[in-house]
């Protein structure tokens, strides 16, 4: 069964084999390089097509988070660096393409007063019926431990 359909197929297979011999996993390689392969097939690509604009258009056509796009492009860069070492191309067309900014999660830090207000609100939500009391109280204990031991998301 042929995994790749573009003219890059045999080189992609060689690159994956090379990375496996170095001890790396092929999971992310396969996902990224299949995407590249499909895009090259869709655009009826050849060696002359690989310029920075080709990859900028590819990046704009991807419908996923910046973090995922950056991961794909790191894989593409490694693949084209491999092609340079094999003397198939002279320069990496992705060399000058910078990574997209990634969304960083900035933690919110509660003050002591806010933490106390939060715990008071949780206590008020504890249902007093026999059916729910134990599970609600367990949730309160979990929040109390997280708040007092300094655990945060």
Protein backbone atom coordinates (compact mmCIF):
# COMPACT_ATOMS: atom_id res chain seq x y z
CA UNK A 1 0.00 0.00 0.00
CA UNK A 2 1.34 3.38 -1.02
CA UNK A 3 1.08 5.94 1.80
CA UNK A 4 2.07 9.00 -0.23
CA UNK A 5 0.84 9.96 -3.71
CA UNK A 6 2.93 12.96 -4.71
CA UNK A 7 6.30 12.91 -6.42
CA UNK A 8 7.79 13.39 -2.92
CA UNK A 9 6.46 10.01 -1.78
CA UNK A 10 9.69 8.04 -1.96
CA UNK A 11 11.66 10.85 -0.29
CA UNK A 12 9.10 11.12 2.48
CA UNK A 13 9.33 7.38 3.08
CA UNK A 14 13.14 7.62 3.22
CA UNK A 15 12.91 10.54 5.65
CA UNK A 16 10.53 8.64 7.93
CA UNK A 17 12.81 5.61 7.88
CA UNK A 18 15.77 7.85 8.70
CA UNK A 19 13.94 9.41 11.67
CA UNK A 20 12.85 5.98 12.93
CA UNK A 21 16.46 4.80 12.83
CA UNK A 22 17.36 7.79 15.00
CA UNK A 23 14.79 6.59 17.55
CA UNK A 24 12.02 9.10 16.92
CA UNK A 25 8.34 8.30 16.65
CA UNK A 26 6.70 8.48 13.25
CA UNK A 27 3.21 9.49 14.42
CA UNK A 28 3.54 13.27 14.04
CA UNK A 29 5.75 12.83 10.98
CA UNK A 30 3.04 10.86 9.22
CA UNK A 31 0.31 13.36 10.06
CA UNK A 32 2.37 16.36 8.92
CA UNK A 33 3.88 14.79 5.83
CA UNK A 34 0.57 13.32 4.64
CA UNK A 35 -0.83 16.83 4.80
CA UNK A 36 2.10 18.14 2.75
CA UNK A 37 1.72 15.24 0.31
CA UNK A 38 -2.01 15.89 -0.21
CA UNK A 39 -1.39 19.60 -0.72
CA UNK A 40 1.33 18.92 -3.29
CA UNK A 41 -0.99 16.52 -5.13
CA UNK A 42 -3.85 19.07 -5.07
CA UNK A 43 -1.59 21.77 -6.47
CA UNK A 44 -0.01 19.39 -9.01
CA UNK A 45 3.34 20.24 -7.49
CA UNK A 46 6.88 19.83 -8.74
CA UNK A 47 10.28 20.90 -7.45
CA UNK A 48 9.86 24.34 -9.01
CA UNK A 49 6.69 24.96 -7.00
CA UNK A 50 8.51 24.97 -3.66
CA UNK A 51 9.03 28.60 -2.86
CA UNK A 52 8.11 30.44 0.32
CA UNK A 53 4.78 31.62 -1.14
CA UNK A 54 3.71 28.01 -1.71
CA UNK A 55 4.12 27.31 1.99
CA UNK A 56 2.53 30.59 3.08
CA UNK A 57 -0.53 29.65 1.00
CA UNK A 58 -0.47 26.17 2.57
CA UNK A 59 -0.34 27.73 6.02
CA UNK A 60 -3.29 30.01 5.26
CA UNK A 61 -5.32 27.04 3.95
CA UNK A 62 -4.84 25.07 7.17
CA UNK A 63 -7.80 25.26 9.50
CA UNK A 64 -6.25 24.60 12.91
CA UNK A 65 -4.58 26.33 15.84
CA UNK A 66 -1.30 28.18 15.44
CA UNK A 67 0.42 25.68 17.73
CA UNK A 68 -0.52 22.83 15.38
CA UNK A 69 0.50 24.78 12.29
CA UNK A 70 3.89 25.51 13.88
CA UNK A 71 4.36 21.80 14.61
CA UNK A 72 3.55 20.92 11.00
CA UNK A 73 5.98 23.51 9.69
CA UNK A 74 8.77 22.33 11.98
CA UNK A 75 8.32 18.89 10.47
CA UNK A 76 8.34 20.34 6.95
CA UNK A 77 11.56 22.22 7.74
CA UNK A 78 13.21 19.04 9.00
CA UNK A 79 12.10 17.21 5.85
CA UNK A 80 13.51 19.88 3.54
CA UNK A 81 16.75 20.00 5.53
CA UNK A 82 16.95 16.25 4.95
CA UNK A 83 16.47 16.83 1.22
CA UNK A 84 19.32 19.35 1.30
CA UNK A 85 21.60 16.77 2.94
CA UNK A 86 20.63 14.32 0.20
CA UNK A 87 21.56 16.96 -2.44
CA UNK A 88 18.06 17.00 -3.91
CA UNK A 89 17.52 20.71 -3.33
CA UNK A 90 19.89 23.61 -2.64
CA UNK A 91 18.04 25.58 0.02
CA UNK A 92 15.14 25.15 2.38
CA UNK A 93 12.11 27.09 1.09
CA UNK A 94 10.77 27.29 4.64
CA UNK A 95 13.91 28.84 6.10
CA UNK A 96 12.62 32.40 6.16
CA UNK A 97 9.04 31.59 7.23
CA UNK A 98 8.62 32.47 10.88
CA UNK A 99 6.37 30.66 13.31
CA UNK A 100 2.92 31.97 14.10
CA UNK A 101 2.33 33.40 17.58
CA UNK A 102 0.84 30.80 19.90
CA UNK A 103 -1.88 31.44 22.42
CA UNK A 104 -0.31 31.40 25.83
CA UNK A 105 -2.50 30.64 28.81
CA UNK A 106 -1.90 33.28 31.44
CA UNK A 107 -2.86 31.95 34.86
CA UNK A 108 -5.15 34.01 37.03
CA UNK A 109 -4.04 34.22 40.63
CA UNK A 110 -6.76 34.65 43.24
CA UNK A 111 -6.12 36.79 46.27
CA UNK A 112 -6.69 35.31 49.74
CA UNK A 113 -9.99 37.18 50.01
CA UNK A 114 -11.18 35.92 46.63
CA UNK A 115 -10.24 32.37 47.59
CA UNK A 116 -12.24 32.66 50.82
CA UNK A 117 -15.25 34.04 48.94
CA UNK A 118 -15.03 31.19 46.45
CA UNK A 119 -14.94 28.57 49.22
CA UNK A 120 -17.88 30.24 51.02
CA UNK A 121 -19.88 30.09 47.77
CA UNK A 122 -19.07 26.39 47.39
CA UNK A 123 -20.20 25.72 51.00
CA UNK A 124 -23.55 27.43 50.23
CA UNK A 125 -24.01 25.15 47.22
CA UNK A 126 -23.68 21.94 49.25
CA UNK A 127 -27.05 20.21 49.18
CA UNK A 128 -28.17 18.86 52.54
CA UNK A 129 -30.17 15.89 51.26
CA UNK A 130 -28.92 12.40 51.98
CA UNK A 131 -28.61 11.60 48.28
CA UNK A 132 -26.28 14.51 47.35
CA UNK A 133 -24.53 15.53 50.56
CA UNK A 134 -21.52 13.18 50.32
CA UNK A 135 -20.73 13.98 46.68
CA UNK A 136 -21.17 17.73 47.19
CA UNK A 137 -19.06 17.66 50.35
CA UNK A 138 -16.36 15.69 48.47
CA UNK A 139 -16.32 18.40 45.82
CA UNK A 140 -15.96 21.04 48.51
CA UNK A 141 -13.05 19.14 50.08
CA UNK A 142 -11.36 18.90 46.67
CA UNK A 143 -11.71 22.67 46.13
CA UNK A 144 -10.53 23.34 49.69
CA UNK A 145 -7.40 21.24 49.19
CA UNK A 146 -6.62 22.90 45.87
CA UNK A 147 -7.11 26.37 47.34
CA UNK A 148 -5.17 25.84 50.54
CA UNK A 149 -2.33 23.79 49.04
CA UNK A 150 -1.77 26.25 46.21
CA UNK A 151 -2.75 23.95 43.34
CA UNK A 152 -3.72 25.81 40.19
CA UNK A 153 -4.62 24.98 36.62
